[in-house]
Structure formats: structure tokens, C-alpha cells
């Protein structure tokens, strides 16, 4: 008797999902990572560094999410794996 339909994820993703998600996420991680680490090293104020760290994470997550949206990804596991790979790359890119 429930007349309200709810969203049910299909788990599908296009062939463009992985290249788009990794491409945007890794470009952001490698490109922004060095700038982020230089800023954190040279700015002595902890609260500014806190906001830089939060902004860096949001930027990487947003780029991976945008790549997953371009690739029409509806699979949570694939999107999470893309985000994890880009997060590890972002962490590695800050160790210059």
C-alpha cells in the first residue's frame, strides 16, 4: 500500500567512470598537494592550517565526485575505491 517510490541504486557505471574519477582526482591530488604542503609549512598559524587541510580534502573529494558524476557512476564501491586511491595519492603528494 506504499505509494511512494524510493531511490534504489542500480550499481551500474560507465566505462568513463574510472578514467574520469581517477583523472580529475589524481590531477587535483598531485597539482594541489605540493601547493598545500608548502602553504602548511610556511604558515605558522594552526587554525589557518586546519582550514587549509579541510579545504584540501574537500577539493579532492569534490574532484573525484565530479569525475564519478561525469562517468555516471551509481556504484558506491567503485566511487569509494576511486576516492581512496586519490586520497592516498594526495597524502603521498604532500611528502616532497
PDB file of N, CA and C in Angstrom:
ATOM      1  N   UNK A   1       0.802  -1.188   0.000  1.00  0.00           N
ATOM      2  CA  UNK A   1       0.000   0.000   0.000  1.00  0.00           C
ATOM      3  C   UNK A   1       0.854   1.264   0.000  1.00  0.00           C
ATOM      4  N   UNK A   2       2.152   1.109  -0.007  1.00  0.00           N
ATOM      5  CA  UNK A   2       3.053   2.254  -0.008  1.00  0.00           C
ATOM      6  C   UNK A   2       3.140   2.816  -1.420  1.00  0.00           C
ATOM      7  N   UNK A   3       2.593   4.000  -1.644  1.00  0.00           N
ATOM      8  CA  UNK A   3       2.568   4.604  -2.963  1.00  0.00           C
ATOM      9  C   UNK A   3       3.785   5.453  -3.273  1.00  0.00           C
ATOM     10  N   UNK A   4       4.692   5.625  -2.310  1.00  0.00           N
ATOM     11  CA  UNK A   4       5.872   6.451  -2.511  1.00  0.00           C
ATOM     12  C   UNK A   4       7.026   5.560  -2.963  1.00  0.00           C
ATOM     13  N   UNK A   5       7.562   5.887  -4.124  1.00  0.00           N
ATOM     14  CA  UNK A   5       8.711   5.136  -4.606  1.00  0.00           C
ATOM     15  C   UNK A   5       9.990   5.786  -4.100  1.00  0.00           C
ATOM     16  N   UNK A   6      10.923   4.963  -3.680  1.00  0.00           N
ATOM     17  CA  UNK A   6      12.200   5.464  -3.188  1.00  0.00           C
ATOM     18  C   UNK A   6      13.301   5.115  -4.179  1.00  0.00           C
ATOM     19  N   UNK A   7      14.417   5.780  -4.044  1.00  0.00           N
ATOM     20  CA  UNK A   7      15.557   5.548  -4.934  1.00  0.00           C
ATOM     21  C   UNK A   7      16.209   4.219  -4.596  1.00  0.00           C
ATOM     22  N   UNK A   8      16.462   3.428  -5.616  1.00  0.00           N
ATOM     23  CA  UNK A   8      17.171   2.168  -5.451  1.00  0.00           C
ATOM     24  C   UNK A   8      18.363   2.189  -6.407  1.00  0.00           C
ATOM     25  N   UNK A   9      19.602   2.241  -5.877  1.00  0.00           N
ATOM     26  CA  UNK A   9      20.757   2.314  -6.766  1.00  0.00           C
ATOM     27  C   UNK A   9      20.892   1.052  -7.609  1.00  0.00           C
ATOM     28  N   UNK A  10      21.241   1.244  -8.868  1.00  0.00           N
ATOM     29  CA  UNK A  10      21.365   0.109  -9.773  1.00  0.00           C
ATOM     30  C   UNK A  10      22.739  -0.539  -9.688  1.00  0.00           C
ATOM     31  N   UNK A  11      23.748   0.193  -9.216  1.00  0.00           N
ATOM     32  CA  UNK A  11      25.092  -0.348  -9.136  1.00  0.00           C
ATOM     33  C   UNK A  11      25.843  -0.289 -10.455  1.00  0.00           C
ATOM     34  N   UNK A  12      25.287   0.374 -11.430  1.00  0.00           N
ATOM     35  CA  UNK A  12      25.917   0.452 -12.745  1.00  0.00           C
ATOM     36  C   UNK A  12      26.906   1.615 -12.802  1.00  0.00           C
ATOM     37  N   UNK A  13      27.844   1.488 -13.720  1.00  0.00           N
ATOM     38  CA  UNK A  13      28.766   2.580 -14.001  1.00  0.00           C
ATOM     39  C   UNK A  13      29.231   2.445 -15.443  1.00  0.00           C
ATOM     40  N   UNK A  14      29.566   3.575 -16.047  1.00  0.00           N
ATOM     41  CA  UNK A  14      30.032   3.594 -17.431  1.00  0.00           C
ATOM     42  C   UNK A  14      31.521   3.301 -17.488  1.00  0.00           C
ATOM     43  N   UNK A  15      32.003   3.088 -18.696  1.00  0.00           N
ATOM     44  CA  UNK A  15      33.432   2.865 -18.896  1.00  0.00           C
ATOM     45  C   UNK A  15      34.229   4.140 -18.627  1.00  0.00           C
ATOM     46  N   UNK A  16      33.577   5.287 -18.659  1.00  0.00           N
ATOM     47  CA  UNK A  16      34.237   6.561 -18.424  1.00  0.00           C
ATOM     48  C   UNK A  16      34.408   6.862 -16.929  1.00  0.00           C
ATOM     49  N   UNK A  17      33.782   6.101 -16.059  1.00  0.00           N
ATOM     50  CA  UNK A  17      33.810   6.392 -14.628  1.00  0.00           C
ATOM     51  C   UNK A  17      35.218   6.358 -14.058  1.00  0.00           C
ATOM     52  N   UNK A  18      35.937   5.283 -14.303  1.00  0.00           N
ATOM     53  CA  UNK A  18      37.262   5.133 -13.697  1.00  0.00           C
ATOM     54  C   UNK A  18      38.257   6.141 -14.275  1.00  0.00           C
ATOM     55  N   UNK A  19      38.347   6.314 -15.603  1.00  0.00           N
ATOM     56  CA  UNK A  19      39.292   7.329 -16.092  1.00  0.00           C
ATOM     57  C   UNK A  19      38.938   8.752 -15.652  1.00  0.00           C
ATOM     58  N   UNK A  20      37.659   9.088 -15.637  1.00  0.00           N
ATOM     59  CA  UNK A  20      37.264  10.447 -15.247  1.00  0.00           C
ATOM     60  C   UNK A  20      37.507  10.675 -13.763  1.00  0.00           C
ATOM     61  N   UNK A  21      37.121   9.720 -12.922  1.00  0.00           N
ATOM     62  CA  UNK A  21      37.316   9.873 -11.481  1.00  0.00           C
ATOM     63  C   UNK A  21      38.786   9.907 -11.101  1.00  0.00           C
ATOM     64  N   UNK A  22      39.564   8.978 -11.649  1.00  0.00           N
ATOM     65  CA  UNK A  22      40.994   8.965 -11.354  1.00  0.00           C
ATOM     66  C   UNK A  22      41.701  10.156 -11.987  1.00  0.00           C
ATOM     67  N   UNK A  23      41.310  10.497 -13.194  1.00  0.00           N
ATOM     68  CA  UNK A  23      41.969  11.615 -13.875  1.00  0.00           C
ATOM     69  C   UNK A  23      41.810  12.914 -13.113  1.00  0.00           C
ATOM     70  N   UNK A  24      40.593  13.264 -12.797  1.00  0.00           N
ATOM     71  CA  UNK A  24      40.365  14.514 -12.073  1.00  0.00           C
ATOM     72  C   UNK A  24      40.928  14.459 -10.656  1.00  0.00           C
ATOM     73  N   UNK A  25      40.732  13.329  -9.975  1.00  0.00           N
ATOM     74  CA  UNK A  25      41.221  13.215  -8.603  1.00  0.00           C
ATOM     75  C   UNK A  25      42.728  13.235  -8.506  1.00  0.00           C
ATOM     76  N   UNK A  26      43.408  12.529  -9.397  1.00  0.00           N
ATOM     77  CA  UNK A  26      44.871  12.485  -9.343  1.00  0.00           C
ATOM     78  C   UNK A  26      45.495  13.797  -9.803  1.00  0.00           C
ATOM     79  N   UNK A  27      44.902  14.441 -10.795  1.00  0.00           N
ATOM     80  CA  UNK A  27      45.409  15.752 -11.204  1.00  0.00           C
ATOM     81  C   UNK A  27      45.281  16.739 -10.044  1.00  0.00           C
ATOM     82  N   UNK A  28      44.150  16.692  -9.364  1.00  0.00           N
ATOM     83  CA  UNK A  28      43.976  17.558  -8.204  1.00  0.00           C
ATOM     84  C   UNK A  28      44.911  17.205  -7.069  1.00  0.00           C
ATOM     85  N   UNK A  29      45.074  15.912  -6.814  1.00  0.00           N
ATOM     86  CA  UNK A  29      45.934  15.476  -5.718  1.00  0.00           C
ATOM     87  C   UNK A  29      47.381  15.863  -5.973  1.00  0.00           C
ATOM     88  N   UNK A  30      47.863  15.631  -7.172  1.00  0.00           N
ATOM     89  CA  UNK A  30      49.264  15.931  -7.472  1.00  0.00           C
ATOM     90  C   UNK A  30      49.487  17.424  -7.700  1.00  0.00           C
ATOM     91  N   UNK A  31      48.519  18.081  -8.293  1.00  0.00           N
ATOM     92  CA  UNK A  31      48.679  19.505  -8.563  1.00  0.00           C
ATOM     93  C   UNK A  31      48.513  20.382  -7.338  1.00  0.00           C
ATOM     94  N   UNK A  32      47.525  20.074  -6.542  1.00  0.00           N
ATOM     95  CA  UNK A  32      47.243  20.899  -5.373  1.00  0.00           C
ATOM     96  C   UNK A  32      48.068  20.455  -4.163  1.00  0.00           C
ATOM     97  N   UNK A  33      48.509  19.199  -4.142  1.00  0.00           N
ATOM     98  CA  UNK A  33      49.211  18.649  -2.982  1.00  0.00           C
ATOM     99  C   UNK A  33      50.480  19.390  -2.626  1.00  0.00           C
ATOM    100  N   UNK A  34      51.271  19.724  -3.617  1.00  0.00           N
ATOM    101  CA  UNK A  34      52.525  20.431  -3.337  1.00  0.00           C
ATOM    102  C   UNK A  34      52.256  21.842  -2.844  1.00  0.00           C
ATOM    103  N   UNK A  35      51.291  22.504  -3.466  1.00  0.00           N
ATOM    104  CA  UNK A  35      50.943  23.848  -3.005  1.00  0.00           C
ATOM    105  C   UNK A  35      50.393  23.829  -1.583  1.00  0.00           C
ATOM    106  N   UNK A  36      49.573  22.837  -1.303  1.00  0.00           N
ATOM    107  CA  UNK A  36      49.018  22.699   0.045  1.00  0.00           C
ATOM    108  C   UNK A  36      50.130  22.498   1.066  1.00  0.00           C
ATOM    109  N   UNK A  37      51.079  21.608   0.775  1.00  0.00           N
ATOM    110  CA  UNK A  37      52.138  21.316   1.738  1.00  0.00           C
ATOM    111  C   UNK A  37      53.063  22.512   1.930  1.00  0.00           C
ATOM    112  N   UNK A  38      53.353  23.250   0.870  1.00  0.00           N
ATOM    113  CA  UNK A  38      54.181  24.458   1.023  1.00  0.00           C
ATOM    114  C   UNK A  38      53.466  25.484   1.891  1.00  0.00           C
ATOM    115  N   UNK A  39      52.166  25.639   1.685  1.00  0.00           N
ATOM    116  CA  UNK A  39      51.410  26.597   2.492  1.00  0.00           C
ATOM    117  C   UNK A  39      51.391  26.184   3.955  1.00  0.00           C
ATOM    118  N   UNK A  40      51.208  24.890   4.224  1.00  0.00           N
ATOM    119  CA  UNK A  40      51.176  24.419   5.613  1.00  0.00           C
ATOM    120  C   UNK A  40      52.549  24.569   6.267  1.00  0.00           C
ATOM    121  N   UNK A  41      53.612  24.358   5.500  1.00  0.00           N
ATOM    122  CA  UNK A  41      54.954  24.503   6.063  1.00  0.00           C
ATOM    123  C   UNK A  41      55.296  25.951   6.392  1.00  0.00           C
ATOM    124  N   UNK A  42      54.846  26.882   5.585  1.00  0.00           N
ATOM    125  CA  UNK A  42      55.246  28.272   5.763  1.00  0.00           C
ATOM    126  C   UNK A  42      54.297  29.098   6.613  1.00  0.00           C
ATOM    127  N   UNK A  43      53.078  28.646   6.817  1.00  0.00           N
ATOM    128  CA  UNK A  43      52.121  29.399   7.633  1.00  0.00           C
ATOM    129  C   UNK A  43      52.182  28.869   9.067  1.00  0.00           C
ATOM    130  N   UNK A  44      52.555  29.710  10.010  1.00  0.00           N
ATOM    131  CA  UNK A  44      52.741  29.228  11.384  1.00  0.00           C
ATOM    132  C   UNK A  44      51.456  29.166  12.216  1.00  0.00           C
ATOM    133  N   UNK A  45      50.326  29.568  11.683  1.00  0.00           N
ATOM    134  CA  UNK A  45      49.094  29.622  12.465  1.00  0.00           C
ATOM    135  C   UNK A  45      48.311  28.324  12.299  1.00  0.00           C
ATOM    136  N   UNK A  46      48.046  27.648  13.396  1.00  0.00           N
ATOM    137  CA  UNK A  46      47.434  26.322  13.370  1.00  0.00           C
ATOM    138  C   UNK A  46      46.010  26.363  12.828  1.00  0.00           C
ATOM    139  N   UNK A  47      45.275  27.413  13.105  1.00  0.00           N
ATOM    140  CA  UNK A  47      43.881  27.473  12.655  1.00  0.00           C
ATOM    141  C   UNK A  47      43.790  27.687  11.147  1.00  0.00           C
ATOM    142  N   UNK A  48      44.712  28.449  10.601  1.00  0.00           N
ATOM    143  CA  UNK A  48      44.743  28.605   9.142  1.00  0.00           C
ATOM    144  C   UNK A  48      45.111  27.270   8.499  1.00  0.00           C
ATOM    145  N   UNK A  49      46.061  26.552   9.101  1.00  0.00           N
ATOM    146  CA  UNK A  49      46.437  25.235   8.585  1.00  0.00           C
ATOM    147  C   UNK A  49      45.272  24.251   8.665  1.00  0.00           C
ATOM    148  N   UNK A  50      44.474  24.355   9.713  1.00  0.00           N
ATOM    149  CA  UNK A  50      43.305  23.499   9.837  1.00  0.00           C
ATOM    150  C   UNK A  50      42.337  23.727   8.676  1.00  0.00           C
ATOM    151  N   UNK A  51      42.072  24.991   8.363  1.00  0.00           N
ATOM    152  CA  UNK A  51      41.157  25.293   7.263  1.00  0.00           C
ATOM    153  C   UNK A  51      41.758  24.926   5.908  1.00  0.00           C
ATOM    154  N   UNK A  52      43.070  25.047   5.774  1.00  0.00           N
ATOM    155  CA  UNK A  52      43.726  24.596   4.544  1.00  0.00           C
ATOM    156  C   UNK A  52      43.577  23.090   4.362  1.00  0.00           C
ATOM    157  N   UNK A  53      43.728  22.336   5.439  1.00  0.00           N
ATOM    158  CA  UNK A  53      43.594  20.885   5.376  1.00  0.00           C
ATOM    159  C   UNK A  53      42.170  20.479   5.020  1.00  0.00           C
ATOM    160  N   UNK A  54      41.209  21.116   5.641  1.00  0.00           N
ATOM    161  CA  UNK A  54      39.808  20.822   5.337  1.00  0.00           C
ATOM    162  C   UNK A  54      39.500  21.180   3.889  1.00  0.00           C
ATOM    163  N   UNK A  55      39.990  22.324   3.433  1.00  0.00           N
ATOM    164  CA  UNK A  55      39.772  22.737   2.049  1.00  0.00           C
ATOM    165  C   UNK A  55      40.429  21.796   1.050  1.00  0.00           C
ATOM    166  N   UNK A  56      41.610  21.286   1.385  1.00  0.00           N
ATOM    167  CA  UNK A  56      42.312  20.344   0.515  1.00  0.00           C
ATOM    168  C   UNK A  56      41.503  19.049   0.380  1.00  0.00           C
ATOM    169  N   UNK A  57      40.987  18.551   1.483  1.00  0.00           N
ATOM    170  CA  UNK A  57      40.164  17.344   1.444  1.00  0.00           C
ATOM    171  C   UNK A  57      38.877  17.544   0.671  1.00  0.00           C
ATOM    172  N   UNK A  58      38.249  18.684   0.852  1.00  0.00           N
ATOM    173  CA  UNK A  58      37.016  18.980   0.122  1.00  0.00           C
ATOM    174  C   UNK A  58      37.295  19.101  -1.371  1.00  0.00           C
ATOM    175  N   UNK A  59      38.427  19.704  -1.728  1.00  0.00           N
ATOM    176  CA  UNK A  59      38.770  19.857  -3.147  1.00  0.00           C
ATOM    177  C   UNK A  59      38.995  18.498  -3.807  1.00  0.00           C
ATOM    178  N   UNK A  60      39.733  17.608  -3.154  1.00  0.00           N
ATOM    179  CA  UNK A  60      39.990  16.286  -3.720  1.00  0.00           C
ATOM    180  C   UNK A  60      38.687  15.486  -3.804  1.00  0.00           C
ATOM    181  N   UNK A  61      37.907  15.511  -2.748  1.00  0.00           N
ATOM    182  CA  UNK A  61      36.624  14.808  -2.760  1.00  0.00           C
ATOM    183  C   UNK A  61      35.675  15.350  -3.810  1.00  0.00           C
ATOM    184  N   UNK A  62      35.656  16.662  -3.976  1.00  0.00           N
ATOM    185  CA  UNK A  62      34.809  17.265  -4.991  1.00  0.00           C
ATOM    186  C   UNK A  62      35.231  16.889  -6.400  1.00  0.00           C
ATOM    187  N   UNK A  63      36.542  16.834  -6.637  1.00  0.00           N
ATOM    188  CA  UNK A  63      37.023  16.445  -7.965  1.00  0.00           C
ATOM    189  C   UNK A  63      36.696  14.989  -8.279  1.00  0.00           C
ATOM    190  N   UNK A  64      36.871  14.112  -7.296  1.00  0.00           N
ATOM    191  CA  UNK A  64      36.521  12.697  -7.519  1.00  0.00           C
ATOM    192  C   UNK A  64      35.013  12.550  -7.704  1.00  0.00           C
ATOM    193  N   UNK A  65      34.237  13.267  -6.919  1.00  0.00           N
ATOM    194  CA  UNK A  65      32.783  13.219  -7.072  1.00  0.00           C
ATOM    195  C   UNK A  65      32.325  13.750  -8.419  1.00  0.00           C
ATOM    196  N   UNK A  66      32.967  14.808  -8.897  1.00  0.00           N
ATOM    197  CA  UNK A  66      32.627  15.340 -10.209  1.00  0.00           C
ATOM    198  C   UNK A  66      32.991  14.340 -11.301  1.00  0.00           C
ATOM    199  N   UNK A  67      34.143  13.658 -11.142  1.00  0.00           N
ATOM    200  CA  UNK A  67      34.523  12.628 -12.105  1.00  0.00           C
ATOM    201  C   UNK A  67      33.558  11.462 -12.099  1.00  0.00           C
ATOM    202  N   UNK A  68      33.084  11.079 -10.921  1.00  0.00           N
ATOM    203  CA  UNK A  68      32.101   9.998 -10.836  1.00  0.00           C
ATOM    204  C   UNK A  68      30.769  10.420 -11.450  1.00  0.00           C
ATOM    205  N   UNK A  69      30.422  11.676 -11.317  1.00  0.00           N
ATOM    206  CA  UNK A  69      29.189  12.167 -11.935  1.00  0.00           C
ATOM    207  C   UNK A  69      29.319  12.218 -13.453  1.00  0.00           C
ATOM    208  N   UNK A  70      30.485  12.620 -13.948  1.00  0.00           N
ATOM    209  CA  UNK A  70      30.713  12.624 -15.397  1.00  0.00           C
ATOM    210  C   UNK A  70      30.614  11.205 -15.940  1.00  0.00           C
ATOM    211  N   UNK A  71      31.183  10.246 -15.194  1.00  0.00           N
ATOM    212  CA  UNK A  71      31.161   8.850 -15.615  1.00  0.00           C
ATOM    213  C   UNK A  71      29.864   8.132 -15.320  1.00  0.00           C
ATOM    214  N   UNK A  72      28.887   8.822 -14.763  1.00  0.00           N
ATOM    215  CA  UNK A  72      27.574   8.248 -14.441  1.00  0.00           C
ATOM    216  C   UNK A  72      27.700   7.007 -13.568  1.00  0.00           C
ATOM    217  N   UNK A  73      28.429   7.171 -12.470  1.00  0.00           N
ATOM    218  CA  UNK A  73      28.671   6.064 -11.544  1.00  0.00           C
ATOM    219  C   UNK A  73      27.552   5.991 -10.508  1.00  0.00           C
ATOM    220  N   UNK A  74      26.939   4.819 -10.398  1.00  0.00           N
ATOM    221  CA  UNK A  74      25.920   4.577  -9.376  1.00  0.00           C
ATOM    222  C   UNK A  74      26.328   3.437  -8.459  1.00  0.00           C
ATOM    223  N   UNK A  75      27.614   3.115  -8.480  1.00  0.00           N
ATOM    224  CA  UNK A  75      28.141   2.029  -7.669  1.00  0.00           C
ATOM    225  C   UNK A  75      28.956   2.641  -6.534  1.00  0.00           C
ATOM    226  N   UNK A  76      28.503   2.441  -5.310  1.00  0.00           N
ATOM    227  CA  UNK A  76      29.159   3.031  -4.152  1.00  0.00           C
ATOM    228  C   UNK A  76      30.559   2.475  -3.947  1.00  0.00           C
ATOM    229  N   UNK A  77      30.760   1.201  -4.217  1.00  0.00           N
ATOM    230  CA  UNK A  77      32.070   0.584  -4.029  1.00  0.00           C
ATOM    231  C   UNK A  77      33.098   1.164  -5.000  1.00  0.00           C
ATOM    232  N   UNK A  78      32.729   1.347  -6.248  1.00  0.00           N
ATOM    233  CA  UNK A  78      33.642   1.922  -7.241  1.00  0.00           C
ATOM    234  C   UNK A  78      33.989   3.363  -6.863  1.00  0.00           C
ATOM    235  N   UNK A  79      33.001   4.148  -6.500  1.00  0.00           N
ATOM    236  CA  UNK A  79      33.246   5.545  -6.129  1.00  0.00           C
ATOM    237  C   UNK A  79      34.114   5.636  -4.877  1.00  0.00           C
ATOM    238  N   UNK A  80      33.894   4.753  -3.912  1.00  0.00           N
ATOM    239  CA  UNK A  80      34.706   4.746  -2.694  1.00  0.00           C
ATOM    240  C   UNK A  80      36.143   4.341  -2.991  1.00  0.00           C
ATOM    241  N   UNK A  81      36.328   3.378  -3.881  1.00  0.00           N
ATOM    242  CA  UNK A  81      37.679   2.955  -4.251  1.00  0.00           C
ATOM    243  C   UNK A  81      38.414   4.078  -4.975  1.00  0.00           C
ATOM    244  N   UNK A  82      37.727   4.787  -5.859  1.00  0.00           N
ATOM    245  CA  UNK A  82      38.342   5.930  -6.536  1.00  0.00           C
ATOM    246  C   UNK A  82      38.753   7.000  -5.528  1.00  0.00           C
ATOM    247  N   UNK A  83      37.883   7.278  -4.571  1.00  0.00           N
ATOM    248  CA  UNK A  83      38.195   8.281  -3.555  1.00  0.00           C
ATOM    249  C   UNK A  83      39.373   7.846  -2.689  1.00  0.00           C
ATOM    250  N   UNK A  84      39.455   6.562  -2.346  1.00  0.00           N
ATOM    251  CA  UNK A  84      40.559   6.076  -1.524  1.00  0.00           C
ATOM    252  C   UNK A  84      41.888   6.173  -2.265  1.00  0.00           C
ATOM    253  N   UNK A  85      41.894   5.799  -3.533  1.00  0.00           N
ATOM    254  CA  UNK A  85      43.131   5.885  -4.330  1.00  0.00           C
ATOM    255  C   UNK A  85      43.592   7.329  -4.427  1.00  0.00           C
ATOM    256  N   UNK A  86      42.672   8.246  -4.683  1.00  0.00           N
ATOM    257  CA  UNK A  86      43.042   9.653  -4.802  1.00  0.00           C
ATOM    258  C   UNK A  86      43.438  10.250  -3.450  1.00  0.00           C
ATOM    259  N   UNK A  87      42.850   9.782  -2.368  1.00  0.00           N
ATOM    260  CA  UNK A  87      43.245  10.261  -1.042  1.00  0.00           C
ATOM    261  C   UNK A  87      44.662   9.806  -0.700  1.00  0.00           C
ATOM    262  N   UNK A  88      45.003   8.565  -1.020  1.00  0.00           N
ATOM    263  CA  UNK A  88      46.372   8.095  -0.781  1.00  0.00           C
ATOM    264  C   UNK A  88      47.371   8.830  -1.674  1.00  0.00           C
ATOM    265  N   UNK A  89      46.986   9.129  -2.905  1.00  0.00           N
ATOM    266  CA  UNK A  89      47.857   9.889  -3.793  1.00  0.00           C
ATOM    267  C   UNK A  89      48.026  11.323  -3.285  1.00  0.00           C
ATOM    268  N   UNK A  90      46.962  11.896  -2.752  1.00  0.00           N
ATOM    269  CA  UNK A  90      47.048  13.239  -2.203  1.00  0.00           C
ATOM    270  C   UNK A  90      47.974  13.262  -0.991  1.00  0.00           C
ATOM    271  N   UNK A  91      47.885  12.248  -0.156  1.00  0.00           N
ATOM    272  CA  UNK A  91      48.775  12.172   1.003  1.00  0.00           C
ATOM    273  C   UNK A  91      50.216  11.992   0.559  1.00  0.00           C
ATOM    274  N   UNK A  92      50.433  11.157  -0.444  1.00  0.00           N
ATOM    275  CA  UNK A  92      51.788  10.940  -0.942  1.00  0.00           C
ATOM    276  C   UNK A  92      52.351  12.167  -1.634  1.00  0.00           C
ATOM    277  N   UNK A  93      51.493  12.956  -2.274  1.00  0.00           N
ATOM    278  CA  UNK A  93      51.983  14.131  -2.986  1.00  0.00           C
ATOM    279  C   UNK A  93      52.410  15.237  -2.031  1.00  0.00           C
ATOM    280  N   UNK A  94      51.986  15.186  -0.784  1.00  0.00           N
ATOM    281  CA  UNK A  94      52.381  16.210   0.176  1.00  0.00           C
ATOM    282  C   UNK A  94      53.748  15.924   0.777  1.00  0.00           C
ATOM    283  N   UNK A  95      54.344  14.786   0.473  1.00  0.00           N
ATOM    284  CA  UNK A  95      55.662  14.437   1.014  1.00  0.00           C
ATOM    285  C   UNK A  95      56.737  14.742  -0.022  1.00  0.00           C
ATOM    286  N   UNK A  96      57.020  16.002  -0.206  1.00  0.00           N
ATOM    287  CA  UNK A  96      58.011  16.367  -1.212  1.00  0.00           C
ATOM    288  C   UNK A  96      59.386  16.505  -0.621  1.00  0.00           C
TER     289      UNK A  96
END
